[in-house]
Protein backbone atom coordinates (compact mmCIF):
# COMPACT_ATOMS: atom_id res chain seq x y z
CA UNK A 1 0.00 0.00 0.00
CA UNK A 2 1.24 3.43 -0.86
CA UNK A 3 0.94 5.85 2.02
CA UNK A 4 0.81 9.60 1.62
CA UNK A 5 3.34 11.71 3.47
CA UNK A 6 0.61 12.82 5.87
CA UNK A 7 -0.23 9.19 6.61
CA UNK A 8 3.46 8.32 7.09
CA UNK A 9 3.83 11.15 9.59
CA UNK A 10 0.80 9.98 11.57
CA UNK A 11 2.07 6.39 11.68
CA UNK A 12 5.59 7.56 12.59
CA UNK A 13 4.25 9.54 15.55
CA UNK A 14 2.13 6.55 16.58
CA UNK A 15 5.15 4.23 16.55
CA UNK A 16 7.71 6.57 18.10
CA UNK A 17 5.83 9.05 20.23
CA UNK A 18 6.51 12.79 20.28
CA UNK A 19 9.14 14.04 17.84
CA UNK A 20 10.66 17.25 16.55
CA UNK A 21 10.02 18.29 12.95
CA UNK A 22 13.62 17.47 12.02
CA UNK A 23 13.29 13.90 13.34
CA UNK A 24 9.95 13.39 11.57
CA UNK A 25 11.42 14.69 8.32
CA UNK A 26 14.36 12.29 8.52
CA UNK A 27 12.18 9.27 9.30
CA UNK A 28 9.67 10.05 6.55
CA UNK A 29 12.28 11.14 3.99
CA UNK A 30 11.20 14.73 3.36
CA UNK A 31 12.68 18.17 3.93
CA UNK A 32 12.14 19.96 7.22
CA UNK A 33 10.30 22.75 5.40
CA UNK A 34 7.85 20.32 3.80
CA UNK A 35 7.45 18.56 7.14
CA UNK A 36 6.62 21.85 8.84
CA UNK A 37 3.95 22.61 6.24
CA UNK A 38 2.34 19.19 6.66
CA UNK A 39 2.52 19.40 10.46
CA UNK A 40 0.59 22.67 10.23
CA UNK A 41 -2.09 20.97 8.10
CA UNK A 42 -2.38 18.02 10.49
CA UNK A 43 -2.54 20.45 13.42
CA UNK A 44 -5.36 22.39 11.74
CA UNK A 45 -7.27 19.12 11.27
CA UNK A 46 -6.91 18.31 14.98
CA UNK A 47 -4.75 15.23 14.40
CA UNK A 48 -1.61 16.45 16.17
CA UNK A 49 -0.72 18.94 18.83
CA UNK A 50 2.52 20.82 19.09
CA UNK A 51 4.38 22.12 22.08
CA UNK A 52 7.16 24.64 21.81
CA UNK A 53 10.05 23.86 24.11
CA UNK A 54 12.70 26.33 23.08
CA UNK A 55 14.16 26.00 20.55
CA UNK A 56 12.18 22.93 19.54
CA UNK A 57 8.67 22.20 18.36
CA UNK A 58 7.58 18.81 19.70
CA UNK A 59 4.68 17.12 17.92
CA UNK A 60 2.43 14.37 19.18
CA UNK A 61 -0.84 12.80 18.15
CA UNK A 62 -4.15 13.88 19.60
CA UNK A 63 -6.64 11.16 20.61
CA UNK A 64 -8.28 11.51 17.20
CA UNK A 65 -4.86 11.32 15.54
CA UNK A 66 -4.06 8.11 17.43
CA UNK A 67 -7.32 6.51 16.27
CA UNK A 68 -6.72 7.42 12.64
CA UNK A 69 -3.04 6.40 12.73
CA UNK A 70 -3.95 3.01 14.21
CA UNK A 71 -6.50 2.39 11.46
CA UNK A 72 -4.04 3.44 8.76
CA UNK A 73 -1.35 1.17 10.17
CA UNK A 74 -3.75 -1.77 10.41
CA UNK A 75 -4.98 -1.35 6.84
CA UNK A 76 -1.41 -0.94 5.57
CA UNK A 77 -0.26 -4.10 7.38
CA UNK A 78 -3.26 -6.10 6.16
CA UNK A 79 -2.65 -5.11 2.56
CA UNK A 80 1.07 -5.81 2.84
CA UNK A 81 0.38 -9.29 4.25
CA UNK A 82 -1.97 -10.11 1.36
CA UNK A 83 0.66 -9.60 -1.31
PDB file of N, CA and C in Angstrom:
ATOM      1  N   UNK A   1       0.847  -1.175   0.000  1.00  0.00           N
ATOM      2  CA  UNK A   1       0.000   0.000   0.000  1.00  0.00           C
ATOM      3  C   UNK A   1       0.887   1.230   0.000  1.00  0.00           C
ATOM      4  N   UNK A   2       0.514   2.168  -0.810  1.00  0.00           N
ATOM      5  CA  UNK A   2       1.242   3.426  -0.858  1.00  0.00           C
ATOM      6  C   UNK A   2       0.613   4.392   0.130  1.00  0.00           C
ATOM      7  N   UNK A   3       1.417   4.890   1.041  1.00  0.00           N
ATOM      8  CA  UNK A   3       0.943   5.849   2.025  1.00  0.00           C
ATOM      9  C   UNK A   3       1.340   7.260   1.609  1.00  0.00           C
ATOM     10  N   UNK A   4       0.456   8.207   1.863  1.00  0.00           N
ATOM     11  CA  UNK A   4       0.808   9.602   1.619  1.00  0.00           C
ATOM     12  C   UNK A   4       1.784  10.053   2.704  1.00  0.00           C
ATOM     13  N   UNK A   5       2.409  11.181   2.478  1.00  0.00           N
ATOM     14  CA  UNK A   5       3.343  11.712   3.470  1.00  0.00           C
ATOM     15  C   UNK A   5       2.596  12.015   4.768  1.00  0.00           C
ATOM     16  N   UNK A   6       1.396  12.548   4.669  1.00  0.00           N
ATOM     17  CA  UNK A   6       0.607  12.824   5.870  1.00  0.00           C
ATOM     18  C   UNK A   6       0.370  11.537   6.656  1.00  0.00           C
ATOM     19  N   UNK A   7       0.017  10.480   5.955  1.00  0.00           N
ATOM     20  CA  UNK A   7      -0.225   9.193   6.614  1.00  0.00           C
ATOM     21  C   UNK A   7       1.049   8.646   7.233  1.00  0.00           C
ATOM     22  N   UNK A   8       2.176   8.782   6.543  1.00  0.00           N
ATOM     23  CA  UNK A   8       3.455   8.324   7.086  1.00  0.00           C
ATOM     24  C   UNK A   8       3.812   9.070   8.366  1.00  0.00           C
ATOM     25  N   UNK A   9       3.538  10.359   8.399  1.00  0.00           N
ATOM     26  CA  UNK A   9       3.829  11.151   9.594  1.00  0.00           C
ATOM     27  C   UNK A   9       2.971  10.682  10.755  1.00  0.00           C
ATOM     28  N   UNK A  10       1.689  10.454  10.505  1.00  0.00           N
ATOM     29  CA  UNK A  10       0.802   9.978  11.565  1.00  0.00           C
ATOM     30  C   UNK A  10       1.278   8.634  12.119  1.00  0.00           C
ATOM     31  N   UNK A  11       1.618   7.711  11.243  1.00  0.00           N
ATOM     32  CA  UNK A  11       2.071   6.392  11.679  1.00  0.00           C
ATOM     33  C   UNK A  11       3.417   6.495  12.401  1.00  0.00           C
ATOM     34  N   UNK A  12       4.301   7.355  11.929  1.00  0.00           N
ATOM     35  CA  UNK A  12       5.590   7.556  12.592  1.00  0.00           C
ATOM     36  C   UNK A  12       5.399   8.050  14.019  1.00  0.00           C
ATOM     37  N   UNK A  13       4.510   9.027  14.203  1.00  0.00           N
ATOM     38  CA  UNK A  13       4.251   9.538  15.551  1.00  0.00           C
ATOM     39  C   UNK A  13       3.583   8.487  16.424  1.00  0.00           C
ATOM     40  N   UNK A  14       2.759   7.643  15.833  1.00  0.00           N
ATOM     41  CA  UNK A  14       2.131   6.547  16.578  1.00  0.00           C
ATOM     42  C   UNK A  14       3.200   5.574  17.081  1.00  0.00           C
ATOM     43  N   UNK A  15       4.137   5.238  16.218  1.00  0.00           N
ATOM     44  CA  UNK A  15       5.148   4.234  16.546  1.00  0.00           C
ATOM     45  C   UNK A  15       6.252   4.757  17.467  1.00  0.00           C
ATOM     46  N   UNK A  16       6.564   6.047  17.361  1.00  0.00           N
ATOM     47  CA  UNK A  16       7.712   6.571  18.100  1.00  0.00           C
ATOM     48  C   UNK A  16       7.357   7.500  19.258  1.00  0.00           C
ATOM     49  N   UNK A  17       6.178   8.047  19.228  1.00  0.00           N
ATOM     50  CA  UNK A  17       5.826   9.051  20.225  1.00  0.00           C
ATOM     51  C   UNK A  17       6.240  10.424  19.756  1.00  0.00           C
ATOM     52  N   UNK A  18       6.218  11.404  20.651  1.00  0.00           N
ATOM     53  CA  UNK A  18       6.508  12.794  20.281  1.00  0.00           C
ATOM     54  C   UNK A  18       7.876  12.952  19.627  1.00  0.00           C
ATOM     55  N   UNK A  19       7.902  13.780  18.579  1.00  0.00           N
ATOM     56  CA  UNK A  19       9.141  14.037  17.842  1.00  0.00           C
ATOM     57  C   UNK A  19       9.205  15.481  17.388  1.00  0.00           C
ATOM     58  N   UNK A  20      10.425  15.953  17.166  1.00  0.00           N
ATOM     59  CA  UNK A  20      10.656  17.250  16.546  1.00  0.00           C
ATOM     60  C   UNK A  20      10.430  17.139  15.045  1.00  0.00           C
ATOM     61  N   UNK A  21      10.194  18.280  14.403  1.00  0.00           N
ATOM     62  CA  UNK A  21      10.024  18.286  12.952  1.00  0.00           C
ATOM     63  C   UNK A  21      11.218  17.666  12.240  1.00  0.00           C
ATOM     64  N   UNK A  22      12.420  17.981  12.698  1.00  0.00           N
ATOM     65  CA  UNK A  22      13.622  17.465  12.024  1.00  0.00           C
ATOM     66  C   UNK A  22      13.672  15.940  12.083  1.00  0.00           C
ATOM     67  N   UNK A  23      13.288  15.363  13.213  1.00  0.00           N
ATOM     68  CA  UNK A  23      13.291  13.903  13.338  1.00  0.00           C
ATOM     69  C   UNK A  23      12.212  13.263  12.471  1.00  0.00           C
ATOM     70  N   UNK A  24      11.036  13.891  12.431  1.00  0.00           N
ATOM     71  CA  UNK A  24       9.953  13.386  11.575  1.00  0.00           C
ATOM     72  C   UNK A  24      10.400  13.422  10.122  1.00  0.00           C
ATOM     73  N   UNK A  25      10.977  14.542   9.708  1.00  0.00           N
ATOM     74  CA  UNK A  25      11.417  14.694   8.320  1.00  0.00           C
ATOM     75  C   UNK A  25      12.418  13.611   7.934  1.00  0.00           C
ATOM     76  N   UNK A  26      13.361  13.331   8.808  1.00  0.00           N
ATOM     77  CA  UNK A  26      14.363  12.291   8.519  1.00  0.00           C
ATOM     78  C   UNK A  26      13.708  10.919   8.390  1.00  0.00           C
ATOM     79  N   UNK A  27      12.816  10.595   9.301  1.00  0.00           N
ATOM     80  CA  UNK A  27      12.181   9.275   9.296  1.00  0.00           C
ATOM     81  C   UNK A  27      11.271   9.070   8.094  1.00  0.00           C
ATOM     82  N   UNK A  28      10.617  10.152   7.663  1.00  0.00           N
ATOM     83  CA  UNK A  28       9.667  10.051   6.549  1.00  0.00           C
ATOM     84  C   UNK A  28      10.357  10.265   5.205  1.00  0.00           C
ATOM     85  N   UNK A  29      11.528  10.920   5.220  1.00  0.00           N
ATOM     86  CA  UNK A  29      12.282  11.137   3.990  1.00  0.00           C
ATOM     87  C   UNK A  29      11.872  12.382   3.230  1.00  0.00           C
ATOM     88  N   UNK A  30      11.585  13.462   3.978  1.00  0.00           N
ATOM     89  CA  UNK A  30      11.203  14.727   3.360  1.00  0.00           C
ATOM     90  C   UNK A  30      12.032  15.844   3.972  1.00  0.00           C
ATOM     91  N   UNK A  31      11.949  17.030   3.377  1.00  0.00           N
ATOM     92  CA  UNK A  31      12.678  18.171   3.929  1.00  0.00           C
ATOM     93  C   UNK A  31      11.974  18.678   5.189  1.00  0.00           C
ATOM     94  N   UNK A  32      12.728  19.379   6.011  1.00  0.00           N
ATOM     95  CA  UNK A  32      12.139  19.958   7.220  1.00  0.00           C
ATOM     96  C   UNK A  32      11.071  20.991   6.876  1.00  0.00           C
ATOM     97  N   UNK A  33      11.283  21.739   5.803  1.00  0.00           N
ATOM     98  CA  UNK A  33      10.304  22.749   5.401  1.00  0.00           C
ATOM     99  C   UNK A  33       8.980  22.084   5.013  1.00  0.00           C
ATOM    100  N   UNK A  34       9.060  21.032   4.211  1.00  0.00           N
ATOM    101  CA  UNK A  34       7.849  20.319   3.802  1.00  0.00           C
ATOM    102  C   UNK A  34       7.178  19.705   5.026  1.00  0.00           C
ATOM    103  N   UNK A  35       7.980  19.148   5.910  1.00  0.00           N
ATOM    104  CA  UNK A  35       7.450  18.556   7.135  1.00  0.00           C
ATOM    105  C   UNK A  35       6.691  19.601   7.945  1.00  0.00           C
ATOM    106  N   UNK A  36       7.256  20.775   8.081  1.00  0.00           N
ATOM    107  CA  UNK A  36       6.618  21.846   8.841  1.00  0.00           C
ATOM    108  C   UNK A  36       5.269  22.223   8.236  1.00  0.00           C
ATOM    109  N   UNK A  37       5.208  22.284   6.917  1.00  0.00           N
ATOM    110  CA  UNK A  37       3.950  22.611   6.241  1.00  0.00           C
ATOM    111  C   UNK A  37       2.895  21.540   6.506  1.00  0.00           C
ATOM    112  N   UNK A  38       3.294  20.284   6.439  1.00  0.00           N
ATOM    113  CA  UNK A  38       2.344  19.189   6.660  1.00  0.00           C
ATOM    114  C   UNK A  38       1.918  19.132   8.122  1.00  0.00           C
ATOM    115  N   UNK A  39       2.856  19.369   9.031  1.00  0.00           N
ATOM    116  CA  UNK A  39       2.522  19.404  10.457  1.00  0.00           C
ATOM    117  C   UNK A  39       1.453  20.464  10.711  1.00  0.00           C
ATOM    118  N   UNK A  40       1.585  21.610  10.072  1.00  0.00           N
ATOM    119  CA  UNK A  40       0.586  22.670  10.230  1.00  0.00           C
ATOM    120  C   UNK A  40      -0.787  22.223   9.730  1.00  0.00           C
ATOM    121  N   UNK A  41      -0.827  21.491   8.643  1.00  0.00           N
ATOM    122  CA  UNK A  41      -2.092  20.975   8.102  1.00  0.00           C
ATOM    123  C   UNK A  41      -2.701  19.960   9.069  1.00  0.00           C
ATOM    124  N   UNK A  42      -1.880  19.034   9.557  1.00  0.00           N
ATOM    125  CA  UNK A  42      -2.377  18.020  10.492  1.00  0.00           C
ATOM    126  C   UNK A  42      -2.836  18.658  11.801  1.00  0.00           C
ATOM    127  N   UNK A  43      -2.147  19.705  12.215  1.00  0.00           N
ATOM    128  CA  UNK A  43      -2.542  20.447  13.416  1.00  0.00           C
ATOM    129  C   UNK A  43      -3.910  21.100  13.203  1.00  0.00           C
ATOM    130  N   UNK A  44      -4.091  21.724  12.049  1.00  0.00           N
ATOM    131  CA  UNK A  44      -5.361  22.393  11.736  1.00  0.00           C
ATOM    132  C   UNK A  44      -6.520  21.400  11.693  1.00  0.00           C
ATOM    133  N   UNK A  45      -6.232  20.158  11.330  1.00  0.00           N
ATOM    134  CA  UNK A  45      -7.267  19.120  11.274  1.00  0.00           C
ATOM    135  C   UNK A  45      -7.497  18.447  12.623  1.00  0.00           C
ATOM    136  N   UNK A  46      -6.744  18.858  13.635  1.00  0.00           N
ATOM    137  CA  UNK A  46      -6.913  18.309  14.975  1.00  0.00           C
ATOM    138  C   UNK A  46      -6.309  16.933  15.175  1.00  0.00           C
ATOM    139  N   UNK A  47      -5.351  16.557  14.318  1.00  0.00           N
ATOM    140  CA  UNK A  47      -4.747  15.231  14.405  1.00  0.00           C
ATOM    141  C   UNK A  47      -3.462  15.213  15.220  1.00  0.00           C
ATOM    142  N   UNK A  48      -2.814  16.349  15.333  1.00  0.00           N
ATOM    143  CA  UNK A  48      -1.612  16.448  16.165  1.00  0.00           C
ATOM    144  C   UNK A  48      -1.689  17.718  17.002  1.00  0.00           C
ATOM    145  N   UNK A  49      -0.897  17.724  18.046  1.00  0.00           N
ATOM    146  CA  UNK A  49      -0.717  18.940  18.825  1.00  0.00           C
ATOM    147  C   UNK A  49       0.773  19.175  18.962  1.00  0.00           C
ATOM    148  N   UNK A  50       1.115  20.445  19.025  1.00  0.00           N
ATOM    149  CA  UNK A  50       2.522  20.816  19.095  1.00  0.00           C
ATOM    150  C   UNK A  50       2.779  21.608  20.360  1.00  0.00           C
ATOM    151  N   UNK A  51       3.952  21.380  20.902  1.00  0.00           N
ATOM    152  CA  UNK A  51       4.379  22.118  22.080  1.00  0.00           C
ATOM    153  C   UNK A  51       5.744  22.717  21.766  1.00  0.00           C
ATOM    154  N   UNK A  52       5.882  23.981  22.056  1.00  0.00           N
ATOM    155  CA  UNK A  52       7.164  24.644  21.808  1.00  0.00           C
ATOM    156  C   UNK A  52       7.986  24.631  23.083  1.00  0.00           C
ATOM    157  N   UNK A  53       9.079  23.909  23.025  1.00  0.00           N
ATOM    158  CA  UNK A  53      10.049  23.863  24.109  1.00  0.00           C
ATOM    159  C   UNK A  53      11.336  24.396  23.495  1.00  0.00           C
ATOM    160  N   UNK A  54      11.604  25.648  23.763  1.00  0.00           N
ATOM    161  CA  UNK A  54      12.699  26.334  23.079  1.00  0.00           C
ATOM    162  C   UNK A  54      13.937  25.489  22.961  1.00  0.00           C
ATOM    163  N   UNK A  55      14.559  25.431  21.837  1.00  0.00           N
ATOM    164  CA  UNK A  55      14.164  26.001  20.554  1.00  0.00           C
ATOM    165  C   UNK A  55      13.374  25.012  19.693  1.00  0.00           C
ATOM    166  N   UNK A  56      12.785  24.028  20.295  1.00  0.00           N
ATOM    167  CA  UNK A  56      12.181  22.928  19.539  1.00  0.00           C
ATOM    168  C   UNK A  56      10.664  22.991  19.530  1.00  0.00           C
ATOM    169  N   UNK A  57      10.106  22.424  18.457  1.00  0.00           N
ATOM    170  CA  UNK A  57       8.673  22.197  18.362  1.00  0.00           C
ATOM    171  C   UNK A  57       8.474  20.687  18.450  1.00  0.00           C
ATOM    172  N   UNK A  58       7.808  20.237  19.491  1.00  0.00           N
ATOM    173  CA  UNK A  58       7.576  18.811  19.701  1.00  0.00           C
ATOM    174  C   UNK A  58       6.138  18.492  19.294  1.00  0.00           C
ATOM    175  N   UNK A  59       5.990  17.493  18.449  1.00  0.00           N
ATOM    176  CA  UNK A  59       4.680  17.123  17.916  1.00  0.00           C
ATOM    177  C   UNK A  59       4.261  15.764  18.441  1.00  0.00           C
ATOM    178  N   UNK A  60       2.973  15.655  18.776  1.00  0.00           N
ATOM    179  CA  UNK A  60       2.432  14.365  19.184  1.00  0.00           C
ATOM    180  C   UNK A  60       0.998  14.260  18.689  1.00  0.00           C
ATOM    181  N   UNK A  61       0.513  13.038  18.628  1.00  0.00           N
ATOM    182  CA  UNK A  61      -0.840  12.795  18.151  1.00  0.00           C
ATOM    183  C   UNK A  61      -1.869  13.180  19.201  1.00  0.00           C
ATOM    184  N   UNK A  62      -2.999  13.696  18.729  1.00  0.00           N
ATOM    185  CA  UNK A  62      -4.148  13.880  19.596  1.00  0.00           C
ATOM    186  C   UNK A  62      -4.852  12.522  19.703  1.00  0.00           C
ATOM    187  N   UNK A  63      -5.881  12.423  20.522  1.00  0.00           N
ATOM    188  CA  UNK A  63      -6.638  11.163  20.611  1.00  0.00           C
ATOM    189  C   UNK A  63      -7.201  10.785  19.244  1.00  0.00           C
ATOM    190  N   UNK A  64      -7.742  11.766  18.553  1.00  0.00           N
ATOM    191  CA  UNK A  64      -8.278  11.513  17.203  1.00  0.00           C
ATOM    192  C   UNK A  64      -7.163  11.068  16.259  1.00  0.00           C
ATOM    193  N   UNK A  65      -6.000  11.695  16.371  1.00  0.00           N
ATOM    194  CA  UNK A  65      -4.861  11.324  15.544  1.00  0.00           C
ATOM    195  C   UNK A  65      -4.410   9.901  15.804  1.00  0.00           C
ATOM    196  N   UNK A  66      -4.437   9.481  17.071  1.00  0.00           N
ATOM    197  CA  UNK A  66      -4.059   8.106  17.432  1.00  0.00           C
ATOM    198  C   UNK A  66      -5.035   7.119  16.785  1.00  0.00           C
ATOM    199  N   UNK A  67      -6.321   7.401  16.868  1.00  0.00           N
ATOM    200  CA  UNK A  67      -7.324   6.509  16.269  1.00  0.00           C
ATOM    201  C   UNK A  67      -7.101   6.355  14.770  1.00  0.00           C
ATOM    202  N   UNK A  68      -6.905   7.463  14.090  1.00  0.00           N
ATOM    203  CA  UNK A  68      -6.715   7.422  12.639  1.00  0.00           C
ATOM    204  C   UNK A  68      -5.409   6.728  12.283  1.00  0.00           C
ATOM    205  N   UNK A  69      -4.342   7.025  13.004  1.00  0.00           N
ATOM    206  CA  UNK A  69      -3.045   6.397  12.726  1.00  0.00           C
ATOM    207  C   UNK A  69      -3.114   4.887  12.938  1.00  0.00           C
ATOM    208  N   UNK A  70      -3.808   4.456  13.968  1.00  0.00           N
ATOM    209  CA  UNK A  70      -3.952   3.013  14.209  1.00  0.00           C
ATOM    210  C   UNK A  70      -4.680   2.330  13.059  1.00  0.00           C
ATOM    211  N   UNK A  71      -5.759   2.962  12.588  1.00  0.00           N
ATOM    212  CA  UNK A  71      -6.503   2.387  11.456  1.00  0.00           C
ATOM    213  C   UNK A  71      -5.643   2.328  10.203  1.00  0.00           C
ATOM    214  N   UNK A  72      -4.918   3.416   9.933  1.00  0.00           N
ATOM    215  CA  UNK A  72      -4.043   3.445   8.762  1.00  0.00           C
ATOM    216  C   UNK A  72      -2.991   2.346   8.833  1.00  0.00           C
ATOM    217  N   UNK A  73      -2.388   2.189   9.994  1.00  0.00           N
ATOM    218  CA  UNK A  73      -1.350   1.169  10.170  1.00  0.00           C
ATOM    219  C   UNK A  73      -1.927  -0.223   9.982  1.00  0.00           C
ATOM    220  N   UNK A  74      -3.105  -0.465  10.540  1.00  0.00           N
ATOM    221  CA  UNK A  74      -3.753  -1.767  10.409  1.00  0.00           C
ATOM    222  C   UNK A  74      -4.074  -2.085   8.956  1.00  0.00           C
ATOM    223  N   UNK A  75      -4.646  -1.133   8.249  1.00  0.00           N
ATOM    224  CA  UNK A  75      -4.977  -1.346   6.836  1.00  0.00           C
ATOM    225  C   UNK A  75      -3.709  -1.596   6.028  1.00  0.00           C
ATOM    226  N   UNK A  76      -2.677  -0.794   6.283  1.00  0.00           N
ATOM    227  CA  UNK A  76      -1.410  -0.944   5.572  1.00  0.00           C
ATOM    228  C   UNK A  76      -0.809  -2.320   5.807  1.00  0.00           C
ATOM    229  N   UNK A  77      -0.820  -2.782   7.060  1.00  0.00           N
ATOM    230  CA  UNK A  77      -0.260  -4.096   7.378  1.00  0.00           C
ATOM    231  C   UNK A  77      -1.084  -5.212   6.746  1.00  0.00           C
ATOM    232  N   UNK A  78      -2.400  -5.073   6.758  1.00  0.00           N
ATOM    233  CA  UNK A  78      -3.256  -6.103   6.163  1.00  0.00           C
ATOM    234  C   UNK A  78      -3.025  -6.214   4.659  1.00  0.00           C
ATOM    235  N   UNK A  79      -2.885  -5.082   4.003  1.00  0.00           N
ATOM    236  CA  UNK A  79      -2.649  -5.109   2.557  1.00  0.00           C
ATOM    237  C   UNK A  79      -1.257  -5.651   2.237  1.00  0.00           C
ATOM    238  N   UNK A  80      -0.289  -5.325   3.052  1.00  0.00           N
ATOM    239  CA  UNK A  80       1.074  -5.814   2.838  1.00  0.00           C
ATOM    240  C   UNK A  80       1.124  -7.330   3.026  1.00  0.00           C
ATOM    241  N   UNK A  81       0.394  -7.855   3.990  1.00  0.00           N
ATOM    242  CA  UNK A  81       0.382  -9.295   4.251  1.00  0.00           C
ATOM    243  C   UNK A  81      -0.358 -10.083   3.178  1.00  0.00           C
ATOM    244  N   UNK A  82      -1.210  -9.434   2.419  1.00  0.00           N
ATOM    245  CA  UNK A  82      -1.974 -10.110   1.363  1.00  0.00           C
ATOM    246  C   UNK A  82      -1.184 -10.289   0.092  1.00  0.00           C
ATOM    247  N   UNK A  83      -0.103  -9.517  -0.067  1.00  0.00           N
ATOM    248  CA  UNK A  83       0.661  -9.598  -1.310  1.00  0.00           C
ATOM    249  C   UNK A  83       1.709 -10.661  -1.263  1.00  0.00           C
TER     250      UNK A  83
END
